[in-house]
C-alpha cells in the first residue's frame, strides 16, 4: 500500500484534493494510494536534504 501525505491551503477542500490525487495516481500508475491532506506547515521541514519517501514494508 502507498501512503501519501500532502499539504494544502485551508481554502481548498481537503477531501476533494485527496480524491483528485488518488485518481491521478490510479490513472497514471495503476496504483490506488491512501492519501491524507493536511494543513500547510504540518509536515516537518528540514534545512538539509532529507528523505521524503519512507519504506514501511518491514514494519
PDB file of N, CA and C in Angstrom:
ATOM      1  N   UNK A   1       0.846  -1.171   0.000  1.00  0.00           N
ATOM      2  CA  UNK A   1       0.000   0.000   0.000  1.00  0.00           C
ATOM      3  C   UNK A   1       0.892   1.235   0.000  1.00  0.00           C
ATOM      4  N   UNK A   2       0.485   2.241  -0.743  1.00  0.00           N
ATOM      5  CA  UNK A   2       1.203   3.504  -0.780  1.00  0.00           C
ATOM      6  C   UNK A   2       0.432   4.520   0.049  1.00  0.00           C
ATOM      7  N   UNK A   3       1.132   5.180   0.954  1.00  0.00           N
ATOM      8  CA  UNK A   3       0.543   6.237   1.773  1.00  0.00           C
ATOM      9  C   UNK A   3       1.141   7.557   1.317  1.00  0.00           C
ATOM     10  N   UNK A   4       0.294   8.526   1.022  1.00  0.00           N
ATOM     11  CA  UNK A   4       0.756   9.838   0.574  1.00  0.00           C
ATOM     12  C   UNK A   4       0.190  10.885   1.523  1.00  0.00           C
ATOM     13  N   UNK A   5       1.057  11.751   2.031  1.00  0.00           N
ATOM     14  CA  UNK A   5       0.616  12.865   2.860  1.00  0.00           C
ATOM     15  C   UNK A   5       1.042  14.137   2.148  1.00  0.00           C
ATOM     16  N   UNK A   6       0.086  15.016   1.888  1.00  0.00           N
ATOM     17  CA  UNK A   6       0.362  16.273   1.190  1.00  0.00           C
ATOM     18  C   UNK A   6      -0.189  17.439   1.996  1.00  0.00           C
ATOM     19  N   UNK A   7       0.400  18.604   1.775  1.00  0.00           N
ATOM     20  CA  UNK A   7      -0.092  19.815   2.422  1.00  0.00           C
ATOM     21  C   UNK A   7      -0.924  20.613   1.426  1.00  0.00           C
ATOM     22  N   UNK A   8      -1.953  21.276   1.937  1.00  0.00           N
ATOM     23  CA  UNK A   8      -2.792  22.133   1.099  1.00  0.00           C
ATOM     24  C   UNK A   8      -3.209  23.350   1.907  1.00  0.00           C
ATOM     25  N   UNK A   9      -3.519  24.420   1.199  1.00  0.00           N
ATOM     26  CA  UNK A   9      -4.012  25.620   1.856  1.00  0.00           C
ATOM     27  C   UNK A   9      -5.398  25.357   2.416  1.00  0.00           C
ATOM     28  N   UNK A  10      -5.750  26.075   3.453  1.00  0.00           N
ATOM     29  CA  UNK A  10      -7.038  25.887   4.096  1.00  0.00           C
ATOM     30  C   UNK A  10      -8.235  26.238   3.232  1.00  0.00           C
ATOM     31  N   UNK A  11      -8.004  26.964   2.142  1.00  0.00           N
ATOM     32  CA  UNK A  11      -9.132  27.367   1.296  1.00  0.00           C
ATOM     33  C   UNK A  11      -9.587  26.275   0.332  1.00  0.00           C
ATOM     34  N   UNK A  12      -8.841  25.177   0.226  1.00  0.00           N
ATOM     35  CA  UNK A  12      -9.244  24.074  -0.652  1.00  0.00           C
ATOM     36  C   UNK A  12      -9.964  23.007   0.167  1.00  0.00           C
ATOM     37  N   UNK A  13     -10.774  22.231  -0.498  1.00  0.00           N
ATOM     38  CA  UNK A  13     -11.470  21.125   0.141  1.00  0.00           C
ATOM     39  C   UNK A  13     -10.489  19.958   0.238  1.00  0.00           C
ATOM     40  N   UNK A  14     -10.105  19.602   1.457  1.00  0.00           N
ATOM     41  CA  UNK A  14      -9.096  18.555   1.650  1.00  0.00           C
ATOM     42  C   UNK A  14      -9.560  17.211   1.100  1.00  0.00           C
ATOM     43  N   UNK A  15     -10.807  16.875   1.284  1.00  0.00           N
ATOM     44  CA  UNK A  15     -11.315  15.585   0.809  1.00  0.00           C
ATOM     45  C   UNK A  15     -11.281  15.527  -0.723  1.00  0.00           C
ATOM     46  N   UNK A  16     -11.719  16.595  -1.373  1.00  0.00           N
ATOM     47  CA  UNK A  16     -11.710  16.647  -2.842  1.00  0.00           C
ATOM     48  C   UNK A  16     -10.291  16.579  -3.381  1.00  0.00           C
ATOM     49  N   UNK A  17      -9.384  17.307  -2.751  1.00  0.00           N
ATOM     50  CA  UNK A  17      -7.985  17.312  -3.177  1.00  0.00           C
ATOM     51  C   UNK A  17      -7.384  15.915  -3.056  1.00  0.00           C
ATOM     52  N   UNK A  18      -7.669  15.241  -1.956  1.00  0.00           N
ATOM     53  CA  UNK A  18      -7.179  13.876  -1.765  1.00  0.00           C
ATOM     54  C   UNK A  18      -7.709  12.929  -2.824  1.00  0.00           C
ATOM     55  N   UNK A  19      -8.988  13.070  -3.177  1.00  0.00           N
ATOM     56  CA  UNK A  19      -9.578  12.221  -4.212  1.00  0.00           C
ATOM     57  C   UNK A  19      -8.944  12.484  -5.574  1.00  0.00           C
ATOM     58  N   UNK A  20      -8.659  13.749  -5.889  1.00  0.00           N
ATOM     59  CA  UNK A  20      -8.024  14.079  -7.169  1.00  0.00           C
ATOM     60  C   UNK A  20      -6.630  13.468  -7.261  1.00  0.00           C
ATOM     61  N   UNK A  21      -5.872  13.550  -6.174  1.00  0.00           N
ATOM     62  CA  UNK A  21      -4.532  12.971  -6.155  1.00  0.00           C
ATOM     63  C   UNK A  21      -4.619  11.458  -6.308  1.00  0.00           C
ATOM     64  N   UNK A  22      -5.551  10.858  -5.589  1.00  0.00           N
ATOM     65  CA  UNK A  22      -5.743   9.404  -5.666  1.00  0.00           C
ATOM     66  C   UNK A  22      -6.090   8.972  -7.090  1.00  0.00           C
ATOM     67  N   UNK A  23      -7.002   9.698  -7.730  1.00  0.00           N
ATOM     68  CA  UNK A  23      -7.400   9.372  -9.104  1.00  0.00           C
ATOM     69  C   UNK A  23      -6.244   9.546 -10.080  1.00  0.00           C
ATOM     70  N   UNK A  24      -5.416  10.587  -9.871  1.00  0.00           N
ATOM     71  CA  UNK A  24      -4.266  10.816 -10.749  1.00  0.00           C
ATOM     72  C   UNK A  24      -3.274   9.655 -10.649  1.00  0.00           C
ATOM     73  N   UNK A  25      -2.995   9.205  -9.431  1.00  0.00           N
ATOM     74  CA  UNK A  25      -2.104   8.054  -9.261  1.00  0.00           C
ATOM     75  C   UNK A  25      -2.692   6.814  -9.918  1.00  0.00           C
ATOM     76  N   UNK A  26      -3.973   6.599  -9.736  1.00  0.00           N
ATOM     77  CA  UNK A  26      -4.630   5.419 -10.296  1.00  0.00           C
ATOM     78  C   UNK A  26      -4.553   5.426 -11.819  1.00  0.00           C
ATOM     79  N   UNK A  27      -4.801   6.586 -12.439  1.00  0.00           N
ATOM     80  CA  UNK A  27      -4.807   6.650 -13.898  1.00  0.00           C
ATOM     81  C   UNK A  27      -3.405   6.581 -14.498  1.00  0.00           C
ATOM     82  N   UNK A  28      -2.413   7.166 -13.821  1.00  0.00           N
ATOM     83  CA  UNK A  28      -1.049   7.198 -14.374  1.00  0.00           C
ATOM     84  C   UNK A  28      -0.209   5.978 -14.009  1.00  0.00           C
ATOM     85  N   UNK A  29      -0.386   5.476 -12.775  1.00  0.00           N
ATOM     86  CA  UNK A  29       0.490   4.417 -12.294  1.00  0.00           C
ATOM     87  C   UNK A  29      -0.236   3.102 -12.010  1.00  0.00           C
ATOM     88  N   UNK A  30      -1.552   3.111 -12.145  1.00  0.00           N
ATOM     89  CA  UNK A  30      -2.382   1.940 -11.868  1.00  0.00           C
ATOM     90  C   UNK A  30      -2.202   1.456 -10.421  1.00  0.00           C
ATOM     91  N   UNK A  31      -2.041   2.431  -9.527  1.00  0.00           N
ATOM     92  CA  UNK A  31      -1.893   2.170  -8.100  1.00  0.00           C
ATOM     93  C   UNK A  31      -2.862   3.090  -7.374  1.00  0.00           C
ATOM     94  N   UNK A  32      -3.579   2.539  -6.395  1.00  0.00           N
ATOM     95  CA  UNK A  32      -4.504   3.363  -5.617  1.00  0.00           C
ATOM     96  C   UNK A  32      -3.911   3.602  -4.235  1.00  0.00           C
ATOM     97  N   UNK A  33      -3.381   4.804  -4.007  1.00  0.00           N
ATOM     98  CA  UNK A  33      -2.768   5.102  -2.712  1.00  0.00           C
ATOM     99  C   UNK A  33      -3.790   5.559  -1.685  1.00  0.00           C
ATOM    100  N   UNK A  34      -3.387   5.556  -0.439  1.00  0.00           N
ATOM    101  CA  UNK A  34      -4.171   6.182   0.636  1.00  0.00           C
ATOM    102  C   UNK A  34      -3.603   7.594   0.783  1.00  0.00           C
ATOM    103  N   UNK A  35      -4.435   8.613   0.569  1.00  0.00           N
ATOM    104  CA  UNK A  35      -3.980  10.000   0.561  1.00  0.00           C
ATOM    105  C   UNK A  35      -4.519  10.729   1.781  1.00  0.00           C
ATOM    106  N   UNK A  36      -3.635  11.443   2.471  1.00  0.00           N
ATOM    107  CA  UNK A  36      -4.014  12.292   3.590  1.00  0.00           C
ATOM    108  C   UNK A  36      -3.605  13.714   3.253  1.00  0.00           C
ATOM    109  N   UNK A  37      -4.549  14.640   3.320  1.00  0.00           N
ATOM    110  CA  UNK A  37      -4.267  16.049   3.057  1.00  0.00           C
ATOM    111  C   UNK A  37      -4.284  16.774   4.402  1.00  0.00           C
ATOM    112  N   UNK A  38      -3.215  17.500   4.686  1.00  0.00           N
ATOM    113  CA  UNK A  38      -3.071  18.213   5.966  1.00  0.00           C
ATOM    114  C   UNK A  38      -2.854  19.698   5.701  1.00  0.00           C
ATOM    115  N   UNK A  39      -3.094  20.554   6.696  1.00  0.00           N
ATOM    116  CA  UNK A  39      -2.877  21.995   6.520  1.00  0.00           C
ATOM    117  C   UNK A  39      -1.394  22.333   6.308  1.00  0.00           C
ATOM    118  N   UNK A  40      -1.152  23.464   5.635  1.00  0.00           N
ATOM    119  CA  UNK A  40       0.222  23.939   5.425  1.00  0.00           C
ATOM    120  C   UNK A  40       0.946  24.069   6.760  1.00  0.00           C
ATOM    121  N   UNK A  41       2.219  23.704   6.762  1.00  0.00           N
ATOM    122  CA  UNK A  41       3.029  23.819   7.960  1.00  0.00           C
ATOM    123  C   UNK A  41       2.961  22.613   8.873  1.00  0.00           C
ATOM    124  N   UNK A  42       2.171  21.610   8.502  1.00  0.00           N
ATOM    125  CA  UNK A  42       2.013  20.419   9.335  1.00  0.00           C
ATOM    126  C   UNK A  42       3.172  19.433   9.168  1.00  0.00           C
ATOM    127  N   UNK A  43       3.632  19.271   7.937  1.00  0.00           N
ATOM    128  CA  UNK A  43       4.713  18.322   7.677  1.00  0.00           C
ATOM    129  C   UNK A  43       6.046  18.901   8.153  1.00  0.00           C
ATOM    130  N   UNK A  44       6.943  18.046   8.632  1.00  0.00           N
ATOM    131  CA  UNK A  44       8.232  18.527   9.138  1.00  0.00           C
ATOM    132  C   UNK A  44       9.072  19.162   8.028  1.00  0.00           C
ATOM    133  N   UNK A  45       9.844  20.146   8.386  1.00  0.00           N
ATOM    134  CA  UNK A  45      10.739  20.839   7.462  1.00  0.00           C
ATOM    135  C   UNK A  45      12.173  20.519   7.841  1.00  0.00           C
ATOM    136  N   UNK A  46      13.050  20.641   6.855  1.00  0.00           N
ATOM    137  CA  UNK A  46      14.468  20.415   7.101  1.00  0.00           C
ATOM    138  C   UNK A  46      15.265  21.410   6.284  1.00  0.00           C
ATOM    139  N   UNK A  47      16.361  21.888   6.831  1.00  0.00           N
ATOM    140  CA  UNK A  47      17.235  22.793   6.102  1.00  0.00           C
ATOM    141  C   UNK A  47      18.204  22.022   5.223  1.00  0.00           C
ATOM    142  N   UNK A  48      18.370  20.748   5.502  1.00  0.00           N
ATOM    143  CA  UNK A  48      19.273  19.907   4.724  1.00  0.00           C
ATOM    144  C   UNK A  48      18.461  19.043   3.781  1.00  0.00           C
ATOM    145  N   UNK A  49      19.161  18.368   2.872  1.00  0.00           N
ATOM    146  CA  UNK A  49      18.472  17.411   2.016  1.00  0.00           C
ATOM    147  C   UNK A  49      18.002  16.266   2.912  1.00  0.00           C
ATOM    148  N   UNK A  50      16.789  15.847   2.716  1.00  0.00           N
ATOM    149  CA  UNK A  50      16.239  14.808   3.577  1.00  0.00           C
ATOM    150  C   UNK A  50      15.453  13.799   2.762  1.00  0.00           C
ATOM    151  N   UNK A  51      15.267  12.641   3.303  1.00  0.00           N
ATOM    152  CA  UNK A  51      14.497  11.599   2.644  1.00  0.00           C
ATOM    153  C   UNK A  51      13.016  11.932   2.742  1.00  0.00           C
ATOM    154  N   UNK A  52      12.335  11.995   1.623  1.00  0.00           N
ATOM    155  CA  UNK A  52      10.906  12.313   1.585  1.00  0.00           C
ATOM    156  C   UNK A  52      10.058  11.079   1.326  1.00  0.00           C
ATOM    157  N   UNK A  53      10.693   9.973   0.976  1.00  0.00           N
ATOM    158  CA  UNK A  53       9.978   8.719   0.732  1.00  0.00           C
ATOM    159  C   UNK A  53      10.407   7.736   1.799  1.00  0.00           C
ATOM    160  N   UNK A  54       9.454   7.149   2.484  1.00  0.00           N
ATOM    161  CA  UNK A  54       9.737   6.210   3.566  1.00  0.00           C
ATOM    162  C   UNK A  54       9.200   4.836   3.193  1.00  0.00           C
ATOM    163  N   UNK A  55       9.998   3.808   3.385  1.00  0.00           N
ATOM    164  CA  UNK A  55       9.600   2.440   3.086  1.00  0.00           C
ATOM    165  C   UNK A  55       9.244   1.760   4.410  1.00  0.00           C
ATOM    166  N   UNK A  56       7.946   1.496   4.613  1.00  0.00           N
ATOM    167  CA  UNK A  56       7.464   0.891   5.853  1.00  0.00           C
ATOM    168  C   UNK A  56       7.103  -0.599   5.683  1.00  0.00           C
ATOM    169  N   UNK A  57       7.621  -1.230   4.644  1.00  0.00           N
ATOM    170  CA  UNK A  57       7.247  -2.625   4.384  1.00  0.00           C
ATOM    171  C   UNK A  57       7.683  -3.579   5.486  1.00  0.00           C
ATOM    172  N   UNK A  58       8.758  -3.290   6.174  1.00  0.00           N
ATOM    173  CA  UNK A  58       9.257  -4.196   7.202  1.00  0.00           C
ATOM    174  C   UNK A  58       8.575  -4.019   8.542  1.00  0.00           C
ATOM    175  N   UNK A  59       7.719  -3.010   8.663  1.00  0.00           N
ATOM    176  CA  UNK A  59       7.058  -2.740   9.946  1.00  0.00           C
ATOM    177  C   UNK A  59       5.849  -3.612  10.135  1.00  0.00           C
TER     178      UNK A  59
END
